[in-house]
Amino acid sequence: MKTKNITLHAILLAIGIVLQLFESFLPTVTGIPGGKFGIANIVTILCIDMLSIKSAFILCILRPLLSSILYINLSLSLMRL
């Protein structure tokens, strides 16, 4: 059971990071600078539904940290081209 929870956490975190990186490439439609739709928050709602609020809180902390690290590395590698 513990392995299943760890795997589910990892899958939800990976999907959240991919959605957040995808959303960063979309233009802002709201008219507010920096305003986004929040597509990656769907994963947080799924985590609350499938696991617990504690797991969703951990996901809410890890997702922006890891996606910002990946986004910086992606930006730096594109600048080298």
C-alpha atoms as a PDB file:
ATOM      1  CA  MET A   1       0.000   0.000   0.000  1.00  0.00           C
ATOM      2  CA  LYS A   2       2.855   2.381   0.766  1.00  0.00           C
ATOM      3  CA  THR A   3       4.433   1.746  -2.640  1.00  0.00           C
ATOM      4  CA  LYS A   4       1.125   2.515  -4.319  1.00  0.00           C
ATOM      5  CA  ASN A   5       0.869   5.866  -2.490  1.00  0.00           C
ATOM      6  CA  ILE A   6       4.435   6.855  -3.360  1.00  0.00           C
ATOM      7  CA  THR A   7       3.835   5.958  -6.991  1.00  0.00           C
ATOM      8  CA  LEU A   8       0.589   7.917  -7.061  1.00  0.00           C
ATOM      9  CA  HIS A   9       2.320  10.941  -5.502  1.00  0.00           C
ATOM     10  CA  ALA A  10       5.080  10.773  -8.115  1.00  0.00           C
ATOM     11  CA  ILE A  11       2.637  10.463 -11.018  1.00  0.00           C
ATOM     12  CA  LEU A  12       0.508  13.376  -9.791  1.00  0.00           C
ATOM     13  CA  LEU A  13       3.622  15.491  -9.238  1.00  0.00           C
ATOM     14  CA  ALA A  14       4.924  14.716 -12.731  1.00  0.00           C
ATOM     15  CA  ILE A  15       1.578  15.534 -14.350  1.00  0.00           C
ATOM     16  CA  GLY A  16       1.380  18.781 -12.362  1.00  0.00           C
ATOM     17  CA  ILE A  17       4.873  19.833 -13.441  1.00  0.00           C
ATOM     18  CA  VAL A  18       4.144  19.092 -17.094  1.00  0.00           C
ATOM     19  CA  LEU A  19       0.884  21.045 -16.956  1.00  0.00           C
ATOM     20  CA  GLN A  20       2.559  23.984 -15.240  1.00  0.00           C
ATOM     21  CA  LEU A  21       5.374  24.086 -17.809  1.00  0.00           C
ATOM     22  CA  PHE A  22       2.816  23.821 -20.611  1.00  0.00           C
ATOM     23  CA  GLU A  23       0.813  26.651 -19.094  1.00  0.00           C
ATOM     24  CA  SER A  24       3.881  28.889 -18.899  1.00  0.00           C
ATOM     25  CA  PHE A  25       4.124  28.826 -22.708  1.00  0.00           C
ATOM     26  CA  LEU A  26       0.496  29.873 -23.205  1.00  0.00           C
ATOM     27  CA  PRO A  27      -0.213  33.577 -23.735  1.00  0.00           C
ATOM     28  CA  THR A  28      -2.136  35.394 -21.017  1.00  0.00           C
ATOM     29  CA  VAL A  29      -5.757  35.819 -22.042  1.00  0.00           C
ATOM     30  CA  THR A  30      -7.037  37.385 -18.842  1.00  0.00           C
ATOM     31  CA  GLY A  31      -5.592  40.824 -19.590  1.00  0.00           C
ATOM     32  CA  ILE A  32      -3.781  40.857 -16.270  1.00  0.00           C
ATOM     33  CA  PRO A  33       0.013  40.566 -16.552  1.00  0.00           C
ATOM     34  CA  GLY A  34       1.020  37.247 -15.032  1.00  0.00           C
ATOM     35  CA  GLY A  35      -2.583  36.057 -14.851  1.00  0.00           C
ATOM     36  CA  LYS A  36      -2.929  32.407 -15.750  1.00  0.00           C
ATOM     37  CA  PHE A  37      -5.706  29.855 -15.877  1.00  0.00           C
ATOM     38  CA  GLY A  38      -4.216  27.522 -13.250  1.00  0.00           C
ATOM     39  CA  ILE A  39      -4.415  24.306 -15.248  1.00  0.00           C
ATOM     40  CA  ALA A  40      -1.929  22.600 -12.922  1.00  0.00           C
ATOM     41  CA  ASN A  41      -4.275  23.111  -9.972  1.00  0.00           C
ATOM     42  CA  ILE A  42      -6.479  20.354 -11.387  1.00  0.00           C
ATOM     43  CA  VAL A  43      -3.840  17.918 -10.150  1.00  0.00           C
ATOM     44  CA  THR A  44      -4.097  19.397  -6.651  1.00  0.00           C
ATOM     45  CA  ILE A  45      -7.859  18.880  -6.635  1.00  0.00           C
ATOM     46  CA  LEU A  46      -7.358  15.291  -7.800  1.00  0.00           C
ATOM     47  CA  CYS A  47      -4.808  14.758  -5.038  1.00  0.00           C
ATOM     48  CA  ILE A  48      -7.261  16.004  -2.402  1.00  0.00           C
ATOM     49  CA  ASP A  49      -9.912  13.683  -3.804  1.00  0.00           C
ATOM     50  CA  MET A  50      -7.726  10.589  -4.185  1.00  0.00           C
ATOM     51  CA  LEU A  51      -5.306  10.917  -1.255  1.00  0.00           C
ATOM     52  CA  SER A  52      -5.544  13.563   1.483  1.00  0.00           C
ATOM     53  CA  ILE A  53      -5.168  17.256   2.205  1.00  0.00           C
ATOM     54  CA  LYS A  54      -1.708  16.637   3.667  1.00  0.00           C
ATOM     55  CA  SER A  55      -0.596  15.030   0.408  1.00  0.00           C
ATOM     56  CA  ALA A  56      -2.061  17.923  -1.568  1.00  0.00           C
ATOM     57  CA  PHE A  57      -0.171  20.388   0.623  1.00  0.00           C
ATOM     58  CA  ILE A  58       3.101  18.572  -0.066  1.00  0.00           C
ATOM     59  CA  LEU A  59       2.240  18.569  -3.767  1.00  0.00           C
ATOM     60  CA  CYS A  60       1.537  22.319  -3.656  1.00  0.00           C
ATOM     61  CA  ILE A  61       4.999  22.926  -2.226  1.00  0.00           C
ATOM     62  CA  LEU A  62       6.974  20.551  -4.454  1.00  0.00           C
ATOM     63  CA  ARG A  63       5.298  21.314  -7.798  1.00  0.00           C
ATOM     64  CA  PRO A  64       6.281  25.003  -8.083  1.00  0.00           C
ATOM     65  CA  LEU A  65       9.784  24.350  -6.749  1.00  0.00           C
ATOM     66  CA  LEU A  66      10.560  21.554  -9.182  1.00  0.00           C
ATOM     67  CA  SER A  67       8.881  23.200 -12.158  1.00  0.00           C
ATOM     68  CA  SER A  68      10.807  26.444 -11.594  1.00  0.00           C
ATOM     69  CA  ILE A  69      14.072  24.499 -11.512  1.00  0.00           C
ATOM     70  CA  LEU A  70      13.132  22.715 -14.722  1.00  0.00           C
ATOM     71  CA  TYR A  71      11.960  25.942 -16.371  1.00  0.00           C
ATOM     72  CA  ILE A  72      15.256  27.696 -15.533  1.00  0.00           C
ATOM     73  CA  ASN A  73      17.270  24.781 -16.931  1.00  0.00           C
ATOM     74  CA  LEU A  74      15.098  24.735 -20.069  1.00  0.00           C
ATOM     75  CA  SER A  75      15.529  28.493 -20.552  1.00  0.00           C
ATOM     76  CA  LEU A  76      19.291  28.299 -20.099  1.00  0.00           C
ATOM     77  CA  SER A  77      19.633  25.432 -22.570  1.00  0.00           C
ATOM     78  CA  LEU A  78      17.542  27.302 -25.158  1.00  0.00           C
ATOM     79  CA  MET A  79      19.696  30.416 -24.727  1.00  0.00           C
ATOM     80  CA  ARG A  80      22.828  28.433 -25.591  1.00  0.00           C
ATOM     81  CA  LEU A  81      21.496  27.553 -29.032  1.00  0.00           C
END
